[in-house]
Amino acid sequence: MKLNPLLKALAVSAALAVLPHAASAQAYPTRAIKIIVPAPPGGAIDTIARVVGDKLAMSMGQPVVVDNRPGASNNLGTDVLAKSVPDGYTIGIVGGSHNTNKFLFKNLGWDPEKSFEPIVYTHEVPLVFAIYPQIPARTLPEFIAWMKANPDQAKVATSGRGSAQEMAAEMFRMASGAPMLLVPYKGSSAAHSDLLAGRTALFIDTISAIQAQAKAGNVRAIAVSTRKRASSLPEVPTADEQGLKGYDANTNGGFLAPAGTPKAIIDKLNTEINAALKLPDVRAKLEAAGIDIRGGTPQAYAALIKSDLAKWGKVVKDAGIAAE
């Protein structure tokens, strides 16, 4: 059967239009790849970007450069990523604030779902309930009872608006029903100083930040925030195990690309990053930093972002937190 000449011409035109994109994706990468980290050096997502980036440079045969863009509760770097050319040469890695900032800031300039193509869910960082060790409590229920008996001393440190620490504390306040005053700090360092001095009773922070102080006896770790026990602190029970059923807070995240990045490039990056996350030396470095490694498909990461947005949106609404 012969094609109508007009239909034949349209078919050829459509095929030619696809060829440059297919060829581009097939050859990718042909130059350096940049990973935007919307946070300062040294944190979880920066560590992952550098460790995984080194492996990508070897497996993909091109330099991989980490570009730290901290500021505005991680919004600055995320905005840069959202507005980058969607060609696979600028990607980024985000943490927990990616799924909370939508509800805390009125004019972001980007949307956590629509502005990005998920590549792979890389990590989950459990948080630890660390209390001042002079408080006579060794379990979470005992600490909640202490707060109810001492409401004037029930001060809970948080670090940064929209941070995982603030969201975990708000969720704890609502789940426990205990009276507590949330005390905001500009970052974890100042919050740690006041906890060590007994000026606050509790700080819910990452394992990497708490572990050394807990082992030294300077703080007491009484619970972890995730549904499963943390691999690096297996002796510490979860909040869920101790009666706060359903409590699940963490800082998690993964790699994203700007919206419109070709699917073939997303799939290639997903394959390469998943392979890197399975390497023994990568796992050793990340687990030593208190990072629980994940992985999976772009679709699975998209589903996680959607569910986290629903969860944290409810927390912000129920807590009555107003957007700035």
Foldseek 3Di string as FASTA:
>chain_A
DDDDPVVVVVVVVVVVVCVVVVVLLVLPPPEEAEEEEQADPDDQQNLLCVLLQVLCCVVRVYHYHYHYNYDDQSLRSVLVQLPDDQALRYKYKDKQLLLQQPQAADCSNDHSQQFWQFQKWWWWFKWWKWFALVPPDQAPVRVLVVCQVPVVQAEEEAEDPSDLFVLLVLVCCVLSVGRYHYDYDHDDPVVVVCRLVSSHTITTGTCLVCVVCCVVVSIPTHAIQAPAAFPVCNVHHHPCVVPSPPGHTTMTITMIGTPPNDPSSSNVSLVSSQVSSPDPVNVVVSVVSRIDTDGDGSVVRSVVSVVSSVVSSVSCVVSVNHHD
